[in-house]
Amino acid sequence: MKNKFLKIGNDLVSHVHDTGALSFIFKTKIHFVIVCYIYGHNQITFENLCKITQSTVSRTTIQSILLEGVKLGYFKKTVDKKDKRKKYFSCESLSPVLEKWHTRQQKIFS
């Protein structure tokens, strides 16, 4: 079991100096949490992200991560046509990267 945790640790460390999507995803724990929630919900609003993570991170940090993700092309931001205040975020562009990473983790734990 300890060997599996070493493999996970090595896998995460190997992405620290990566300049691609995995570098963004694993930049901080909160980056990873936000990516997981966005990917898991297909689309999620800023307000819902804030509610889910309210005891973990500030609204400003969430906003900064979302803006960074949009700027880098990892998140897509759309505005609700009925309620312009609602902005939805999705991350379809990260799907192949996340699925490949998930498959690697499954191999480690199998």
PDB file of N, CA and C in Angstrom:
ATOM      1  N   MET A   1       0.823  -1.193   0.000  1.00  0.00           N
ATOM      2  CA  MET A   1       0.000   0.000   0.000  1.00  0.00           C
ATOM      3  C   MET A   1       0.870   1.261   0.000  1.00  0.00           C
ATOM      4  N   LYS A   2       1.931   1.259   0.811  1.00  0.00           N
ATOM      5  CA  LYS A   2       2.807   2.429   0.868  1.00  0.00           C
ATOM      6  C   LYS A   2       3.431   2.717  -0.488  1.00  0.00           C
ATOM      7  N   ASN A   3       3.745   1.668  -1.223  1.00  0.00           N
ATOM      8  CA  ASN A   3       4.333   1.818  -2.550  1.00  0.00           C
ATOM      9  C   ASN A   3       3.381   2.556  -3.494  1.00  0.00           C
ATOM     10  N   LYS A   4       2.086   2.301  -3.352  1.00  0.00           N
ATOM     11  CA  LYS A   4       1.094   2.972  -4.197  1.00  0.00           C
ATOM     12  C   LYS A   4       1.070   4.470  -3.914  1.00  0.00           C
ATOM     13  N   PHE A   5       1.194   4.840  -2.649  1.00  0.00           N
ATOM     14  CA  PHE A   5       1.220   6.261  -2.302  1.00  0.00           C
ATOM     15  C   PHE A   5       2.488   6.927  -2.825  1.00  0.00           C
ATOM     16  N   LEU A   6       3.593   6.196  -2.828  1.00  0.00           N
ATOM     17  CA  LEU A   6       4.820   6.731  -3.417  1.00  0.00           C
ATOM     18  C   LEU A   6       4.637   6.980  -4.909  1.00  0.00           C
ATOM     19  N   LYS A   7       3.970   6.048  -5.581  1.00  0.00           N
ATOM     20  CA  LYS A   7       3.718   6.218  -7.016  1.00  0.00           C
ATOM     21  C   LYS A   7       2.838   7.436  -7.278  1.00  0.00           C
ATOM     22  N   ILE A   8       1.817   7.631  -6.451  1.00  0.00           N
ATOM     23  CA  ILE A   8       0.946   8.803  -6.607  1.00  0.00           C
ATOM     24  C   ILE A   8       1.752  10.075  -6.364  1.00  0.00           C
ATOM     25  N   GLY A   9       2.550  10.069  -5.306  1.00  0.00           N
ATOM     26  CA  GLY A   9       3.395  11.227  -5.012  1.00  0.00           C
ATOM     27  C   GLY A   9       4.328  11.543  -6.161  1.00  0.00           C
ATOM     28  N   ASN A  10       4.962  10.523  -6.706  1.00  0.00           N
ATOM     29  CA  ASN A  10       5.858  10.717  -7.853  1.00  0.00           C
ATOM     30  C   ASN A  10       5.105  11.242  -9.063  1.00  0.00           C
ATOM     31  N   ASP A  11       3.902  10.738  -9.265  1.00  0.00           N
ATOM     32  CA  ASP A  11       3.084  11.192 -10.387  1.00  0.00           C
ATOM     33  C   ASP A  11       2.749  12.676 -10.240  1.00  0.00           C
ATOM     34  N   LEU A  12       2.354  13.087  -9.044  1.00  0.00           N
ATOM     35  CA  LEU A  12       2.017  14.494  -8.809  1.00  0.00           C
ATOM     36  C   LEU A  12       3.241  15.392  -8.949  1.00  0.00           C
ATOM     37  N   VAL A  13       4.370  14.958  -8.413  1.00  0.00           N
ATOM     38  CA  VAL A  13       5.595  15.746  -8.513  1.00  0.00           C
ATOM     39  C   VAL A  13       6.028  15.889  -9.967  1.00  0.00           C
ATOM     40  N   SER A  14       5.809  14.863 -10.757  1.00  0.00           N
ATOM     41  CA  SER A  14       6.219  14.920 -12.163  1.00  0.00           C
ATOM     42  C   SER A  14       5.474  16.001 -12.938  1.00  0.00           C
ATOM     43  N   HIS A  15       4.337  16.465 -12.409  1.00  0.00           N
ATOM     44  CA  HIS A  15       3.560  17.493 -13.100  1.00  0.00           C
ATOM     45  C   HIS A  15       3.840  18.903 -12.599  1.00  0.00           C
ATOM     46  N   VAL A  16       4.686  19.031 -11.597  1.00  0.00           N
ATOM     47  CA  VAL A  16       4.980  20.351 -11.035  1.00  0.00           C
ATOM     48  C   VAL A  16       5.628  21.258 -12.070  1.00  0.00           C
ATOM     49  N   HIS A  17       6.540  20.728 -12.840  1.00  0.00           N
ATOM     50  CA  HIS A  17       7.262  21.540 -13.815  1.00  0.00           C
ATOM     51  C   HIS A  17       6.648  21.468 -15.207  1.00  0.00           C
ATOM     52  N   ASP A  18       5.572  20.741 -15.336  1.00  0.00           N
ATOM     53  CA  ASP A  18       4.831  20.658 -16.592  1.00  0.00           C
ATOM     54  C   ASP A  18       4.260  22.039 -16.901  1.00  0.00           C
ATOM     55  N   THR A  19       4.189  22.385 -18.157  1.00  0.00           N
ATOM     56  CA  THR A  19       3.629  23.693 -18.519  1.00  0.00           C
ATOM     57  C   THR A  19       2.240  23.561 -19.123  1.00  0.00           C
ATOM     58  N   GLY A  20       1.707  22.367 -19.156  1.00  0.00           N
ATOM     59  CA  GLY A  20       0.406  22.133 -19.773  1.00  0.00           C
ATOM     60  C   GLY A  20      -0.733  22.129 -18.783  1.00  0.00           C
ATOM     61  N   ALA A  21      -1.784  21.446 -19.169  1.00  0.00           N
ATOM     62  CA  ALA A  21      -3.021  21.418 -18.396  1.00  0.00           C
ATOM     63  C   ALA A  21      -2.827  20.836 -17.001  1.00  0.00           C
ATOM     64  N   LEU A  22      -2.045  19.775 -16.879  1.00  0.00           N
ATOM     65  CA  LEU A  22      -1.851  19.164 -15.558  1.00  0.00           C
ATOM     66  C   LEU A  22      -1.157  20.112 -14.588  1.00  0.00           C
ATOM     67  N   SER A  23      -0.296  20.955 -15.104  1.00  0.00           N
ATOM     68  CA  SER A  23       0.344  21.954 -14.255  1.00  0.00           C
ATOM     69  C   SER A  23      -0.696  22.895 -13.661  1.00  0.00           C
ATOM     70  N   PHE A  24      -1.662  23.308 -14.476  1.00  0.00           N
ATOM     71  CA  PHE A  24      -2.741  24.171 -13.992  1.00  0.00           C
ATOM     72  C   PHE A  24      -3.621  23.416 -12.999  1.00  0.00           C
ATOM     73  N   ILE A  25      -4.002  22.199 -13.341  1.00  0.00           N
ATOM     74  CA  ILE A  25      -4.905  21.410 -12.498  1.00  0.00           C
ATOM     75  C   ILE A  25      -4.312  21.189 -11.109  1.00  0.00           C
ATOM     76  N   PHE A  26      -3.023  20.915 -11.030  1.00  0.00           N
ATOM     77  CA  PHE A  26      -2.386  20.592  -9.754  1.00  0.00           C
ATOM     78  C   PHE A  26      -1.590  21.751  -9.162  1.00  0.00           C
ATOM     79  N   LYS A  27      -1.829  22.946  -9.640  1.00  0.00           N
ATOM     80  CA  LYS A  27      -1.112  24.122  -9.131  1.00  0.00           C
ATOM     81  C   LYS A  27      -1.297  24.266  -7.619  1.00  0.00           C
ATOM     82  N   THR A  28      -2.521  24.126  -7.150  1.00  0.00           N
ATOM     83  CA  THR A  28      -2.822  24.110  -5.714  1.00  0.00           C
ATOM     84  C   THR A  28      -3.921  23.080  -5.485  1.00  0.00           C
ATOM     85  N   LYS A  29      -4.162  22.748  -4.226  1.00  0.00           N
ATOM     86  CA  LYS A  29      -5.263  21.830  -3.919  1.00  0.00           C
ATOM     87  C   LYS A  29      -6.586  22.416  -4.397  1.00  0.00           C
ATOM     88  N   ILE A  30      -6.754  23.716  -4.226  1.00  0.00           N
ATOM     89  CA  ILE A  30      -8.012  24.359  -4.609  1.00  0.00           C
ATOM     90  C   ILE A  30      -8.196  24.344  -6.120  1.00  0.00           C
ATOM     91  N   HIS A  31      -7.125  24.502  -6.883  1.00  0.00           N
ATOM     92  CA  HIS A  31      -7.239  24.367  -8.341  1.00  0.00           C
ATOM     93  C   HIS A  31      -7.844  23.003  -8.672  1.00  0.00           C
ATOM     94  N   PHE A  32      -7.299  21.963  -8.045  1.00  0.00           N
ATOM     95  CA  PHE A  32      -7.781  20.609  -8.310  1.00  0.00           C
ATOM     96  C   PHE A  32      -9.237  20.448  -7.898  1.00  0.00           C
ATOM     97  N   VAL A  33      -9.595  20.962  -6.727  1.00  0.00           N
ATOM     98  CA  VAL A  33     -10.978  20.870  -6.245  1.00  0.00           C
ATOM     99  C   VAL A  33     -11.929  21.568  -7.215  1.00  0.00           C
ATOM    100  N   ILE A  34     -11.579  22.765  -7.648  1.00  0.00           N
ATOM    101  CA  ILE A  34     -12.442  23.522  -8.563  1.00  0.00           C
ATOM    102  C   ILE A  34     -12.582  22.796  -9.893  1.00  0.00           C
ATOM    103  N   VAL A  35     -11.473  22.290 -10.432  1.00  0.00           N
ATOM    104  CA  VAL A  35     -11.534  21.539 -11.693  1.00  0.00           C
ATOM    105  C   VAL A  35     -12.437  20.317 -11.532  1.00  0.00           C
ATOM    106  N   CYS A  36     -12.307  19.599 -10.427  1.00  0.00           N
ATOM    107  CA  CYS A  36     -13.150  18.415 -10.195  1.00  0.00           C
ATOM    108  C   CYS A  36     -14.627  18.779 -10.150  1.00  0.00           C
ATOM    109  N   TYR A  37     -14.972  19.852  -9.454  1.00  0.00           N
ATOM    110  CA  TYR A  37     -16.377  20.258  -9.367  1.00  0.00           C
ATOM    111  C   TYR A  37     -16.909  20.733 -10.715  1.00  0.00           C
ATOM    112  N   ILE A  38     -16.123  21.494 -11.436  1.00  0.00           N
ATOM    113  CA  ILE A  38     -16.578  21.961 -12.752  1.00  0.00           C
ATOM    114  C   ILE A  38     -16.756  20.772 -13.688  1.00  0.00           C
ATOM    115  N   TYR A  39     -15.769  19.885 -13.720  1.00  0.00           N
ATOM    116  CA  TYR A  39     -15.838  18.726 -14.609  1.00  0.00           C
ATOM    117  C   TYR A  39     -16.982  17.793 -14.211  1.00  0.00           C
ATOM    118  N   GLY A  40     -17.149  17.576 -12.933  1.00  0.00           N
ATOM    119  CA  GLY A  40     -18.196  16.680 -12.445  1.00  0.00           C
ATOM    120  C   GLY A  40     -19.606  17.184 -12.684  1.00  0.00           C
ATOM    121  N   HIS A  41     -19.783  18.488 -12.708  1.00  0.00           N
ATOM    122  CA  HIS A  41     -21.109  19.069 -12.919  1.00  0.00           C
ATOM    123  C   HIS A  41     -21.369  19.447 -14.380  1.00  0.00           C
ATOM    124  N   ASN A  42     -20.412  19.275 -15.245  1.00  0.00           N
ATOM    125  CA  ASN A  42     -20.487  19.717 -16.642  1.00  0.00           C
ATOM    126  C   ASN A  42     -20.515  21.236 -16.730  1.00  0.00           C
ATOM    127  N   GLN A  43     -21.417  21.875 -16.024  1.00  0.00           N
ATOM    128  CA  GLN A  43     -21.474  23.333 -15.927  1.00  0.00           C
ATOM    129  C   GLN A  43     -21.823  23.684 -14.493  1.00  0.00           C
ATOM    130  N   ILE A  44     -21.221  24.733 -13.984  1.00  0.00           N
ATOM    131  CA  ILE A  44     -21.507  25.164 -12.617  1.00  0.00           C
ATOM    132  C   ILE A  44     -21.316  26.672 -12.543  1.00  0.00           C
ATOM    133  N   THR A  45     -22.115  27.325 -11.726  1.00  0.00           N
ATOM    134  CA  THR A  45     -21.990  28.777 -11.595  1.00  0.00           C
ATOM    135  C   THR A  45     -20.934  29.122 -10.549  1.00  0.00           C
ATOM    136  N   PHE A  46     -20.464  30.339 -10.649  1.00  0.00           N
ATOM    137  CA  PHE A  46     -19.527  30.868  -9.663  1.00  0.00           C
ATOM    138  C   PHE A  46     -20.140  30.788  -8.270  1.00  0.00           C
ATOM    139  N   GLU A  47     -21.403  31.179  -8.153  1.00  0.00           N
ATOM    140  CA  GLU A  47     -22.080  31.162  -6.851  1.00  0.00           C
ATOM    141  C   GLU A  47     -22.157  29.754  -6.271  1.00  0.00           C
ATOM    142  N   ASN A  48     -22.454  28.770  -7.104  1.00  0.00           N
ATOM    143  CA  ASN A  48     -22.507  27.385  -6.618  1.00  0.00           C
ATOM    144  C   ASN A  48     -21.129  26.895  -6.173  1.00  0.00           C
ATOM    145  N   LEU A  49     -20.096  27.273  -6.918  1.00  0.00           N
ATOM    146  CA  LEU A  49     -18.740  26.916  -6.496  1.00  0.00           C
ATOM    147  C   LEU A  49     -18.424  27.528  -5.135  1.00  0.00           C
ATOM    148  N   CYS A  50     -18.835  28.772  -4.946  1.00  0.00           N
ATOM    149  CA  CYS A  50     -18.584  29.443  -3.662  1.00  0.00           C
ATOM    150  C   CYS A  50     -19.323  28.749  -2.524  1.00  0.00           C
ATOM    151  N   LYS A  51     -20.559  28.320  -2.772  1.00  0.00           N
ATOM    152  CA  LYS A  51     -21.336  27.629  -1.734  1.00  0.00           C
ATOM    153  C   LYS A  51     -20.698  26.291  -1.365  1.00  0.00           C
ATOM    154  N   ILE A  52     -20.273  25.557  -2.368  1.00  0.00           N
ATOM    155  CA  ILE A  52     -19.688  24.232  -2.153  1.00  0.00           C
ATOM    156  C   ILE A  52     -18.390  24.326  -1.353  1.00  0.00           C
ATOM    157  N   THR A  53     -17.591  25.332  -1.651  1.00  0.00           N
ATOM    158  CA  THR A  53     -16.253  25.425  -1.054  1.00  0.00           C
ATOM    159  C   THR A  53     -16.141  26.517   0.006  1.00  0.00           C
ATOM    160  N   GLN A  54     -17.264  26.986   0.535  1.00  0.00           N
ATOM    161  CA  GLN A  54     -17.254  28.156   1.413  1.00  0.00           C
ATOM    162  C   GLN A  54     -16.351  28.039   2.637  1.00  0.00           C
ATOM    163  N   SER A  55     -16.203  26.871   3.174  1.00  0.00           N
ATOM    164  CA  SER A  55     -15.349  26.737   4.361  1.00  0.00           C
ATOM    165  C   SER A  55     -13.890  26.470   3.994  1.00  0.00           C
ATOM    166  N   THR A  56     -13.610  26.363   2.710  1.00  0.00           N
ATOM    167  CA  THR A  56     -12.283  25.982   2.259  1.00  0.00           C
ATOM    168  C   THR A  56     -11.491  27.124   1.646  1.00  0.00           C
ATOM    169  N   VAL A  57     -12.181  28.007   0.923  1.00  0.00           N
ATOM    170  CA  VAL A  57     -11.473  29.005   0.121  1.00  0.00           C
ATOM    171  C   VAL A  57     -12.320  30.267  -0.021  1.00  0.00           C
ATOM    172  N   SER A  58     -11.665  31.383  -0.242  1.00  0.00           N
ATOM    173  CA  SER A  58     -12.383  32.651  -0.384  1.00  0.00           C
ATOM    174  C   SER A  58     -12.958  32.798  -1.795  1.00  0.00           C
ATOM    175  N   ARG A  59     -13.961  33.641  -1.907  1.00  0.00           N
ATOM    176  CA  ARG A  59     -14.580  33.937  -3.203  1.00  0.00           C
ATOM    177  C   ARG A  59     -13.545  34.535  -4.162  1.00  0.00           C
ATOM    178  N   THR A  60     -12.672  35.374  -3.621  1.00  0.00           N
ATOM    179  CA  THR A  60     -11.650  36.021  -4.446  1.00  0.00           C
ATOM    180  C   THR A  60     -10.707  34.994  -5.058  1.00  0.00           C
ATOM    181  N   THR A  61     -10.322  34.000  -4.275  1.00  0.00           N
ATOM    182  CA  THR A  61      -9.440  32.949  -4.788  1.00  0.00           C
ATOM    183  C   THR A  61     -10.138  32.148  -5.877  1.00  0.00           C
ATOM    184  N   ILE A  62     -11.398  31.818  -5.657  1.00  0.00           N
ATOM    185  CA  ILE A  62     -12.167  31.090  -6.676  1.00  0.00           C
ATOM    186  C   ILE A  62     -12.223  31.910  -7.953  1.00  0.00           C
ATOM    187  N   GLN A  63     -12.547  33.191  -7.818  1.00  0.00           N
ATOM    188  CA  GLN A  63     -12.633  34.069  -8.986  1.00  0.00           C
ATOM    189  C   GLN A  63     -11.300  34.121  -9.727  1.00  0.00           C
ATOM    190  N   SER A  64     -10.205  34.219  -8.996  1.00  0.00           N
ATOM    191  CA  SER A  64      -8.880  34.272  -9.621  1.00  0.00           C
ATOM    192  C   SER A  64      -8.572  32.998 -10.400  1.00  0.00           C
ATOM    193  N   ILE A  65      -8.901  31.860  -9.815  1.00  0.00           N
ATOM    194  CA  ILE A  65      -8.655  30.579 -10.487  1.00  0.00           C
ATOM    195  C   ILE A  65      -9.522  30.461 -11.736  1.00  0.00           C
ATOM    196  N   LEU A  66     -10.784  30.877 -11.642  1.00  0.00           N
ATOM    197  CA  LEU A  66     -11.672  30.828 -12.802  1.00  0.00           C
ATOM    198  C   LEU A  66     -11.163  31.733 -13.918  1.00  0.00           C
ATOM    199  N   LEU A  67     -10.758  32.942 -13.572  1.00  0.00           N
ATOM    200  CA  LEU A  67     -10.236  33.870 -14.585  1.00  0.00           C
ATOM    201  C   LEU A  67      -8.974  33.317 -15.239  1.00  0.00           C
ATOM    202  N   GLU A  68      -8.096  32.735 -14.430  1.00  0.00           N
ATOM    203  CA  GLU A  68      -6.874  32.126 -14.958  1.00  0.00           C
ATOM    204  C   GLU A  68      -7.213  30.974 -15.905  1.00  0.00           C
ATOM    205  N   GLY A  69      -8.159  30.131 -15.490  1.00  0.00           N
ATOM    206  CA  GLY A  69      -8.565  28.999 -16.326  1.00  0.00           C
ATOM    207  C   GLY A  69      -9.178  29.433 -17.644  1.00  0.00           C
ATOM    208  N   VAL A  70      -9.983  30.486 -17.613  1.00  0.00           N
ATOM    209  CA  VAL A  70     -10.584  31.016 -18.846  1.00  0.00           C
ATOM    210  C   VAL A  70      -9.490  31.586 -19.745  1.00  0.00           C
ATOM    211  N   LYS A  71      -8.589  32.362 -19.154  1.00  0.00           N
ATOM    212  CA  LYS A  71      -7.502  32.986 -19.917  1.00  0.00           C
ATOM    213  C   LYS A  71      -6.623  31.938 -20.608  1.00  0.00           C
ATOM    214  N   LEU A  72      -6.357  30.841 -19.911  1.00  0.00           N
ATOM    215  CA  LEU A  72      -5.513  29.780 -20.466  1.00  0.00           C
ATOM    216  C   LEU A  72      -6.277  28.843 -21.407  1.00  0.00           C
ATOM    217  N   GLY A  73      -7.592  29.011 -21.475  1.00  0.00           N
ATOM    218  CA  GLY A  73      -8.403  28.188 -22.369  1.00  0.00           C
ATOM    219  C   GLY A  73      -8.852  26.866 -21.771  1.00  0.00           C
ATOM    220  N   TYR A  74      -8.659  26.672 -20.476  1.00  0.00           N
ATOM    221  CA  TYR A  74      -9.065  25.428 -19.829  1.00  0.00           C
ATOM    222  C   TYR A  74     -10.526  25.450 -19.403  1.00  0.00           C
ATOM    223  N   PHE A  75     -11.043  26.627 -19.071  1.00  0.00           N
ATOM    224  CA  PHE A  75     -12.448  26.783 -18.704  1.00  0.00           C
ATOM    225  C   PHE A  75     -13.151  27.601 -19.772  1.00  0.00           C
ATOM    226  N   LYS A  76     -14.405  27.301 -19.959  1.00  0.00           N
ATOM    227  CA  LYS A  76     -15.241  28.079 -20.869  1.00  0.00           C
ATOM    228  C   LYS A  76     -16.296  28.780 -20.021  1.00  0.00           C
ATOM    229  N   LYS A  77     -16.449  30.074 -20.257  1.00  0.00           N
ATOM    230  CA  LYS A  77     -17.400  30.874 -19.487  1.00  0.00           C
ATOM    231  C   LYS A  77     -18.559  31.257 -20.399  1.00  0.00           C
ATOM    232  N   THR A  78     -19.774  30.958 -19.963  1.00  0.00           N
ATOM    233  CA  THR A  78     -20.968  31.361 -20.713  1.00  0.00           C
ATOM    234  C   THR A  78     -21.911  32.096 -19.770  1.00  0.00           C
ATOM    235  N   VAL A  79     -22.655  33.049 -20.332  1.00  0.00           N
ATOM    236  CA  VAL A  79     -23.591  33.851 -19.548  1.00  0.00           C
ATOM    237  C   VAL A  79     -25.001  33.360 -19.826  1.00  0.00           C
ATOM    238  N   ASP A  80     -25.782  33.182 -18.762  1.00  0.00           N
ATOM    239  CA  ASP A  80     -27.181  32.768 -18.878  1.00  0.00           C
ATOM    240  C   ASP A  80     -27.956  33.846 -19.628  1.00  0.00           C
ATOM    241  N   LYS A  81     -28.694  33.455 -20.644  1.00  0.00           N
ATOM    242  CA  LYS A  81     -29.442  34.419 -21.459  1.00  0.00           C
ATOM    243  C   LYS A  81     -30.586  35.059 -20.685  1.00  0.00           C
ATOM    244  N   LYS A  82     -31.168  34.326 -19.747  1.00  0.00           N
ATOM    245  CA  LYS A  82     -32.293  34.861 -18.972  1.00  0.00           C
ATOM    246  C   LYS A  82     -31.825  35.714 -17.796  1.00  0.00           C
ATOM    247  N   ASP A  83     -30.778  35.291 -17.153  1.00  0.00           N
ATOM    248  CA  ASP A  83     -30.263  36.009 -15.988  1.00  0.00           C
ATOM    249  C   ASP A  83     -28.783  36.296 -16.222  1.00  0.00           C
ATOM    250  N   LYS A  84     -28.484  37.481 -16.677  1.00  0.00           N
ATOM    251  CA  LYS A  84     -27.116  37.854 -17.062  1.00  0.00           C
ATOM    252  C   LYS A  84     -26.122  37.778 -15.898  1.00  0.00           C
ATOM    253  N   ARG A  85     -26.629  37.742 -14.675  1.00  0.00           N
ATOM    254  CA  ARG A  85     -25.735  37.650 -13.518  1.00  0.00           C
ATOM    255  C   ARG A  85     -25.131  36.258 -13.388  1.00  0.00           C
ATOM    256  N   LYS A  86     -25.802  35.258 -13.917  1.00  0.00           N
ATOM    257  CA  LYS A  86     -25.325  33.876 -13.808  1.00  0.00           C
ATOM    258  C   LYS A  86     -24.304  33.589 -14.897  1.00  0.00           C
ATOM    259  N   LYS A  87     -23.150  33.184 -14.460  1.00  0.00           N
ATOM    260  CA  LYS A  87     -22.095  32.813 -15.394  1.00  0.00           C
ATOM    261  C   LYS A  87     -21.727  31.359 -15.125  1.00  0.00           C
ATOM    262  N   TYR A  88     -21.805  30.571 -16.165  1.00  0.00           N
ATOM    263  CA  TYR A  88     -21.528  29.144 -16.034  1.00  0.00           C
ATOM    264  C   TYR A  88     -20.116  28.842 -16.515  1.00  0.00           C
ATOM    265  N   PHE A  89     -19.495  27.887 -15.869  1.00  0.00           N
ATOM    266  CA  PHE A  89     -18.156  27.479 -16.255  1.00  0.00           C
ATOM    267  C   PHE A  89     -18.160  25.992 -16.580  1.00  0.00           C
ATOM    268  N   SER A  90     -17.440  25.634 -17.621  1.00  0.00           N
ATOM    269  CA  SER A  90     -17.293  24.237 -18.010  1.00  0.00           C
ATOM    270  C   SER A  90     -15.834  24.018 -18.407  1.00  0.00           C
ATOM    271  N   CYS A  91     -15.438  22.765 -18.513  1.00  0.00           N
ATOM    272  CA  CYS A  91     -14.028  22.486 -18.843  1.00  0.00           C
ATOM    273  C   CYS A  91     -13.898  21.275 -19.769  1.00  0.00           C
ATOM    274  N   GLU A  92     -14.659  21.287 -20.846  1.00  0.00           N
ATOM    275  CA  GLU A  92     -14.586  20.171 -21.793  1.00  0.00           C
ATOM    276  C   GLU A  92     -13.181  19.972 -22.345  1.00  0.00           C
ATOM    277  N   SER A  93     -12.430  21.064 -22.492  1.00  0.00           N
ATOM    278  CA  SER A  93     -11.085  20.946 -23.061  1.00  0.00           C
ATOM    279  C   SER A  93     -10.145  20.140 -22.158  1.00  0.00           C
ATOM    280  N   LEU A  94     -10.479  20.042 -20.882  1.00  0.00           N
ATOM    281  CA  LEU A  94      -9.648  19.267 -19.956  1.00  0.00           C
ATOM    282  C   LEU A  94     -10.047  17.797 -19.892  1.00  0.00           C
ATOM    283  N   SER A  95     -11.135  17.440 -20.527  1.00  0.00           N
ATOM    284  CA  SER A  95     -11.662  16.081 -20.450  1.00  0.00           C
ATOM    285  C   SER A  95     -10.626  15.008 -20.793  1.00  0.00           C
ATOM    286  N   PRO A  96      -9.928  15.101 -21.931  1.00  0.00           N
ATOM    287  CA  PRO A  96      -8.952  14.045 -22.245  1.00  0.00           C
ATOM    288  C   PRO A  96      -7.821  13.954 -21.214  1.00  0.00           C
ATOM    289  N   VAL A  97      -7.372  15.093 -20.728  1.00  0.00           N
ATOM    290  CA  VAL A  97      -6.287  15.120 -19.744  1.00  0.00           C
ATOM    291  C   VAL A  97      -6.742  14.495 -18.430  1.00  0.00           C
ATOM    292  N   LEU A  98      -7.941  14.869 -17.983  1.00  0.00           N
ATOM    293  CA  LEU A  98      -8.467  14.333 -16.723  1.00  0.00           C
ATOM    294  C   LEU A  98      -8.731  12.835 -16.815  1.00  0.00           C
ATOM    295  N   GLU A  99      -9.260  12.392 -17.936  1.00  0.00           N
ATOM    296  CA  GLU A  99      -9.536  10.964 -18.100  1.00  0.00           C
ATOM    297  C   GLU A  99      -8.244  10.148 -18.152  1.00  0.00           C
ATOM    298  N   LYS A 100      -7.226  10.681 -18.816  1.00  0.00           N
ATOM    299  CA  LYS A 100      -5.931   9.996 -18.872  1.00  0.00           C
ATOM    300  C   LYS A 100      -5.310   9.927 -17.474  1.00  0.00           C
ATOM    301  N   TRP A 101      -5.377  11.035 -16.722  1.00  0.00           N
ATOM    302  CA  TRP A 101      -4.847  11.054 -15.360  1.00  0.00           C
ATOM    303  C   TRP A 101      -5.607  10.054 -14.484  1.00  0.00           C
ATOM    304  N   HIS A 102      -6.923  10.017 -14.612  1.00  0.00           N
ATOM    305  CA  HIS A 102      -7.753   9.098 -13.827  1.00  0.00           C
ATOM    306  C   HIS A 102      -7.385   7.644 -14.132  1.00  0.00           C
ATOM    307  N   THR A 103      -7.197   7.334 -15.386  1.00  0.00           N
ATOM    308  CA  THR A 103      -6.811   5.980 -15.789  1.00  0.00           C
ATOM    309  C   THR A 103      -5.470   5.596 -15.164  1.00  0.00           C
ATOM    310  N   ARG A 104      -4.526   6.542 -15.155  1.00  0.00           N
ATOM    311  CA  ARG A 104      -3.218   6.284 -14.537  1.00  0.00           C
ATOM    312  C   ARG A 104      -3.369   5.986 -13.045  1.00  0.00           C
ATOM    313  N   GLN A 105      -4.240   6.731 -12.375  1.00  0.00           N
ATOM    314  CA  GLN A 105      -4.447   6.515 -10.942  1.00  0.00           C
ATOM    315  C   GLN A 105      -5.098   5.155 -10.688  1.00  0.00           C
ATOM    316  N   GLN A 106      -6.018   4.771 -11.559  1.00  0.00           N
ATOM    317  CA  GLN A 106      -6.654   3.457 -11.418  1.00  0.00           C
ATOM    318  C   GLN A 106      -5.624   2.344 -11.543  1.00  0.00           C
ATOM    319  N   LYS A 107      -4.677   2.495 -12.471  1.00  0.00           N
ATOM    320  CA  LYS A 107      -3.635   1.483 -12.647  1.00  0.00           C
ATOM    321  C   LYS A 107      -2.764   1.381 -11.399  1.00  0.00           C
ATOM    322  N   ILE A 108      -2.492   2.522 -10.787  1.00  0.00           N
ATOM    323  CA  ILE A 108      -1.677   2.514  -9.569  1.00  0.00           C
ATOM    324  C   ILE A 108      -2.389   1.750  -8.463  1.00  0.00           C
ATOM    325  N   PHE A 109      -3.708   1.946  -8.334  1.00  0.00           N
ATOM    326  CA  PHE A 109      -4.454   1.327  -7.242  1.00  0.00           C
ATOM    327  C   PHE A 109      -4.963  -0.079  -7.551  1.00  0.00           C
ATOM    328  N   SER A 110      -4.742  -0.559  -8.765  1.00  0.00           N
ATOM    329  CA  SER A 110      -5.234  -1.915  -9.071  1.00  0.00           C
ATOM    330  C   SER A 110      -4.158  -2.950  -8.840  1.00  0.00           C
TER     331      SER A 110
END
